[in-house]
Amino acid sequence: MTEKKRSTKAIWRDPDDAPELTAEFFKSADLFEGTKLKARGRPKSATTKEAVKLRLDADVLAALRASGDGWQTRINDTLRASLKLAGRV
């Protein structure tokens, strides 16, 4: 009998009844490096950001959003430059 995944119940016991290994299966399968489970997604950053609520004039916000993806990062960079803070790591 195969070892169960943490969140998946085995629906078969005989290896001959195992589900087909499709591309979709491998897309969602856990990835291991040796015996260690490798985390999926974006790696943890050395520096963290804090979510804040900021009130902006509607026209300012519209102009920032119209500048395209990454507008929040550009706000952060502009504030950092205006405060003369050291650049990101």
N, C-alpha and C. Protein backbone atom coordinates (compact mmCIF):
# COMPACT_ATOMS: atom_id res chain seq x y z
N MET A 1 0.84 -1.18 0.00
CA MET A 1 0.00 0.00 0.00
C MET A 1 0.88 1.24 0.00
N THR A 2 0.48 2.27 -0.72
CA THR A 2 1.29 3.48 -0.80
C THR A 2 1.03 4.38 0.40
N GLU A 3 2.02 5.23 0.69
CA GLU A 3 1.87 6.19 1.79
C GLU A 3 0.96 7.33 1.33
N LYS A 4 0.04 7.74 2.19
CA LYS A 4 -0.91 8.79 1.84
C LYS A 4 -0.25 10.15 1.92
N LYS A 5 -0.65 11.05 1.00
CA LYS A 5 -0.26 12.46 1.10
C LYS A 5 -0.99 13.05 2.28
N ARG A 6 -0.49 14.16 2.77
CA ARG A 6 -1.08 14.80 3.93
C ARG A 6 -2.57 15.07 3.76
N SER A 7 -2.97 15.61 2.61
CA SER A 7 -4.35 16.06 2.45
C SER A 7 -5.16 15.22 1.48
N THR A 8 -4.58 14.16 0.95
CA THR A 8 -5.28 13.37 -0.05
C THR A 8 -5.54 11.97 0.48
N LYS A 9 -6.80 11.56 0.43
CA LYS A 9 -7.13 10.20 0.83
C LYS A 9 -6.90 9.28 -0.37
N ALA A 10 -6.29 8.14 -0.11
CA ALA A 10 -6.07 7.17 -1.17
C ALA A 10 -7.41 6.56 -1.56
N ILE A 11 -7.69 6.55 -2.85
CA ILE A 11 -8.96 5.98 -3.32
C ILE A 11 -8.70 4.62 -3.98
N TRP A 12 -7.47 4.14 -3.91
CA TRP A 12 -7.13 2.86 -4.48
C TRP A 12 -6.11 2.19 -3.59
N ARG A 13 -6.06 0.87 -3.64
CA ARG A 13 -5.09 0.12 -2.83
C ARG A 13 -4.16 -0.71 -3.71
N ASP A 14 -4.66 -1.23 -4.78
CA ASP A 14 -3.87 -2.06 -5.67
C ASP A 14 -3.12 -1.16 -6.66
N PRO A 15 -1.79 -1.30 -6.78
CA PRO A 15 -1.04 -0.46 -7.72
C PRO A 15 -1.56 -0.54 -9.16
N ASP A 16 -2.21 -1.64 -9.52
CA ASP A 16 -2.77 -1.75 -10.86
C ASP A 16 -3.96 -0.81 -11.05
N ASP A 17 -4.57 -0.37 -9.95
CA ASP A 17 -5.71 0.53 -10.01
C ASP A 17 -5.31 2.00 -9.85
N ALA A 18 -4.04 2.27 -9.83
CA ALA A 18 -3.55 3.64 -9.63
C ALA A 18 -4.04 4.54 -10.77
N PRO A 19 -4.31 5.82 -10.46
CA PRO A 19 -4.75 6.73 -11.52
C PRO A 19 -3.64 6.99 -12.53
N GLU A 20 -4.03 7.39 -13.72
CA GLU A 20 -3.06 7.69 -14.77
C GLU A 20 -2.25 8.92 -14.39
N LEU A 21 -0.96 8.90 -14.65
CA LEU A 21 -0.08 10.02 -14.34
C LEU A 21 -0.07 10.99 -15.52
N THR A 22 -0.95 11.95 -15.45
CA THR A 22 -1.10 12.93 -16.52
C THR A 22 -0.29 14.18 -16.22
N ALA A 23 -0.20 15.08 -17.19
CA ALA A 23 0.48 16.36 -16.99
C ALA A 23 -0.19 17.15 -15.87
N GLU A 24 -1.51 17.06 -15.78
CA GLU A 24 -2.26 17.76 -14.73
C GLU A 24 -1.86 17.23 -13.34
N PHE A 25 -1.65 15.92 -13.23
CA PHE A 25 -1.22 15.33 -11.97
C PHE A 25 0.11 15.92 -11.53
N PHE A 26 1.08 15.97 -12.45
CA PHE A 26 2.41 16.47 -12.11
C PHE A 26 2.41 17.97 -11.83
N LYS A 27 1.47 18.69 -12.44
CA LYS A 27 1.37 20.13 -12.22
C LYS A 27 1.01 20.43 -10.76
N SER A 28 0.21 19.57 -10.14
CA SER A 28 -0.23 19.81 -8.76
C SER A 28 0.47 18.91 -7.74
N ALA A 29 1.39 18.08 -8.17
CA ALA A 29 2.05 17.14 -7.25
C ALA A 29 3.05 17.87 -6.36
N ASP A 30 3.27 17.32 -5.16
CA ASP A 30 4.28 17.86 -4.25
C ASP A 30 5.66 17.60 -4.84
N LEU A 31 6.58 18.53 -4.62
CA LEU A 31 7.95 18.41 -5.12
C LEU A 31 8.88 18.23 -3.93
N PHE A 32 9.70 17.21 -3.97
CA PHE A 32 10.64 16.93 -2.89
C PHE A 32 12.06 17.09 -3.39
N GLU A 33 12.93 17.60 -2.50
CA GLU A 33 14.38 17.58 -2.72
C GLU A 33 14.92 16.61 -1.68
N GLY A 34 15.21 15.40 -2.10
CA GLY A 34 15.55 14.34 -1.15
C GLY A 34 14.29 13.97 -0.40
N THR A 35 14.33 14.11 0.93
CA THR A 35 13.15 13.81 1.74
C THR A 35 12.44 15.09 2.20
N LYS A 36 12.96 16.24 1.81
CA LYS A 36 12.38 17.51 2.25
C LYS A 36 11.39 18.04 1.20
N LEU A 37 10.18 18.41 1.67
CA LEU A 37 9.17 18.98 0.79
C LEU A 37 9.60 20.38 0.38
N LYS A 38 9.64 20.62 -0.92
CA LYS A 38 10.04 21.93 -1.43
C LYS A 38 8.80 22.80 -1.54
N ALA A 39 8.86 23.98 -0.93
CA ALA A 39 7.72 24.89 -0.95
C ALA A 39 7.50 25.43 -2.35
N ARG A 40 6.22 25.59 -2.72
CA ARG A 40 5.88 26.17 -4.01
C ARG A 40 5.69 27.66 -3.85
N GLY A 41 5.69 28.35 -4.97
CA GLY A 41 5.39 29.78 -4.95
C GLY A 41 6.62 30.64 -4.81
N ARG A 42 6.35 31.90 -4.58
CA ARG A 42 7.41 32.89 -4.48
C ARG A 42 8.21 32.67 -3.20
N PRO A 43 9.55 32.72 -3.27
CA PRO A 43 10.35 32.52 -2.06
C PRO A 43 10.15 33.68 -1.07
N LYS A 44 10.36 33.39 0.19
CA LYS A 44 10.24 34.41 1.23
C LYS A 44 11.30 35.48 1.01
N SER A 45 10.90 36.73 1.16
CA SER A 45 11.81 37.85 0.98
C SER A 45 12.56 38.12 2.27
N ALA A 46 13.80 38.60 2.16
CA ALA A 46 14.57 38.97 3.33
C ALA A 46 13.96 40.20 3.99
N THR A 47 13.40 41.08 3.19
CA THR A 47 12.74 42.26 3.73
C THR A 47 11.24 42.10 3.53
N THR A 48 10.48 42.49 4.53
CA THR A 48 9.04 42.37 4.44
C THR A 48 8.41 43.74 4.26
N LYS A 49 7.22 43.74 3.72
CA LYS A 49 6.47 44.98 3.57
C LYS A 49 5.25 44.90 4.45
N GLU A 50 4.74 46.05 4.81
CA GLU A 50 3.59 46.12 5.69
C GLU A 50 2.42 46.73 4.93
N ALA A 51 1.28 46.09 5.02
CA ALA A 51 0.07 46.61 4.38
C ALA A 51 -0.45 47.79 5.19
N VAL A 52 -0.75 48.90 4.50
CA VAL A 52 -1.30 50.09 5.16
C VAL A 52 -2.47 50.60 4.35
N LYS A 53 -3.32 51.37 5.00
CA LYS A 53 -4.41 52.03 4.30
C LYS A 53 -3.96 53.47 4.08
N LEU A 54 -4.02 53.91 2.85
CA LEU A 54 -3.55 55.24 2.48
C LEU A 54 -4.63 55.93 1.67
N ARG A 55 -5.00 57.12 2.06
CA ARG A 55 -6.03 57.87 1.35
C ARG A 55 -5.34 58.81 0.36
N LEU A 56 -5.69 58.66 -0.92
CA LEU A 56 -5.13 59.49 -1.98
C LEU A 56 -6.27 60.17 -2.73
N ASP A 57 -5.95 61.30 -3.34
CA ASP A 57 -6.94 61.96 -4.20
C ASP A 57 -7.27 61.02 -5.36
N ALA A 58 -8.51 61.06 -5.80
CA ALA A 58 -8.97 60.15 -6.86
C ALA A 58 -8.16 60.31 -8.14
N ASP A 59 -7.82 61.55 -8.51
CA ASP A 59 -7.07 61.75 -9.75
C ASP A 59 -5.64 61.24 -9.64
N VAL A 60 -5.06 61.34 -8.44
CA VAL A 60 -3.70 60.82 -8.22
C VAL A 60 -3.71 59.30 -8.34
N LEU A 61 -4.67 58.67 -7.68
CA LEU A 61 -4.78 57.22 -7.74
C LEU A 61 -5.04 56.73 -9.16
N ALA A 62 -5.92 57.43 -9.88
CA ALA A 62 -6.22 57.04 -11.26
C ALA A 62 -4.98 57.13 -12.13
N ALA A 63 -4.19 58.19 -11.96
CA ALA A 63 -2.97 58.35 -12.75
C ALA A 63 -1.95 57.25 -12.42
N LEU A 64 -1.83 56.90 -11.15
CA LEU A 64 -0.89 55.84 -10.76
C LEU A 64 -1.31 54.50 -11.34
N ARG A 65 -2.59 54.18 -11.22
CA ARG A 65 -3.07 52.90 -11.77
C ARG A 65 -2.96 52.86 -13.28
N ALA A 66 -3.16 54.00 -13.92
CA ALA A 66 -3.06 54.07 -15.39
C ALA A 66 -1.64 53.86 -15.87
N SER A 67 -0.67 54.03 -14.97
CA SER A 67 0.73 53.86 -15.36
C SER A 67 1.09 52.38 -15.55
N GLY A 68 0.17 51.49 -15.20
CA GLY A 68 0.38 50.07 -15.48
C GLY A 68 0.74 49.26 -14.25
N ASP A 69 0.99 47.97 -14.50
CA ASP A 69 1.36 47.06 -13.42
C ASP A 69 2.61 47.56 -12.72
N GLY A 70 2.66 47.32 -11.43
CA GLY A 70 3.81 47.74 -10.63
C GLY A 70 3.67 49.13 -10.05
N TRP A 71 2.46 49.71 -10.14
CA TRP A 71 2.30 51.09 -9.67
C TRP A 71 2.52 51.20 -8.17
N GLN A 72 2.19 50.19 -7.40
CA GLN A 72 2.42 50.25 -5.96
C GLN A 72 3.91 50.22 -5.64
N THR A 73 4.66 49.44 -6.39
CA THR A 73 6.11 49.41 -6.20
C THR A 73 6.72 50.75 -6.57
N ARG A 74 6.20 51.37 -7.63
CA ARG A 74 6.71 52.70 -8.02
C ARG A 74 6.39 53.74 -6.95
N ILE A 75 5.23 53.64 -6.30
CA ILE A 75 4.92 54.55 -5.19
C ILE A 75 5.95 54.37 -4.09
N ASN A 76 6.23 53.13 -3.74
CA ASN A 76 7.21 52.83 -2.69
C ASN A 76 8.58 53.40 -3.06
N ASP A 77 9.01 53.19 -4.30
CA ASP A 77 10.31 53.70 -4.74
C ASP A 77 10.35 55.23 -4.72
N THR A 78 9.25 55.87 -5.11
CA THR A 78 9.18 57.34 -5.11
C THR A 78 9.24 57.88 -3.68
N LEU A 79 8.51 57.25 -2.78
CA LEU A 79 8.56 57.68 -1.37
C LEU A 79 9.96 57.46 -0.79
N ARG A 80 10.56 56.32 -1.11
CA ARG A 80 11.91 56.03 -0.63
C ARG A 80 12.89 57.10 -1.11
N ALA A 81 12.80 57.48 -2.39
CA ALA A 81 13.70 58.49 -2.95
C ALA A 81 13.45 59.86 -2.31
N SER A 82 12.18 60.22 -2.12
CA SER A 82 11.87 61.53 -1.56
C SER A 82 12.31 61.65 -0.10
N LEU A 83 12.36 60.52 0.61
CA LEU A 83 12.83 60.51 1.99
C LEU A 83 14.33 60.27 2.10
N LYS A 84 14.96 60.10 0.94
CA LYS A 84 16.40 59.85 0.86
C LYS A 84 16.82 58.63 1.70
N LEU A 85 16.04 57.56 1.56
CA LEU A 85 16.35 56.30 2.24
C LEU A 85 17.19 55.43 1.32
N ALA A 86 17.95 54.54 1.91
CA ALA A 86 18.79 53.63 1.12
C ALA A 86 17.91 52.76 0.24
N GLY A 87 18.45 52.34 -0.89
CA GLY A 87 17.71 51.51 -1.83
C GLY A 87 17.41 50.14 -1.29
N ARG A 88 16.54 49.42 -2.01
CA ARG A 88 16.18 48.07 -1.60
C ARG A 88 17.37 47.14 -1.73
N VAL A 89 17.32 46.08 -0.96
CA VAL A 89 18.40 45.07 -0.97
C VAL A 89 18.30 44.21 -2.19
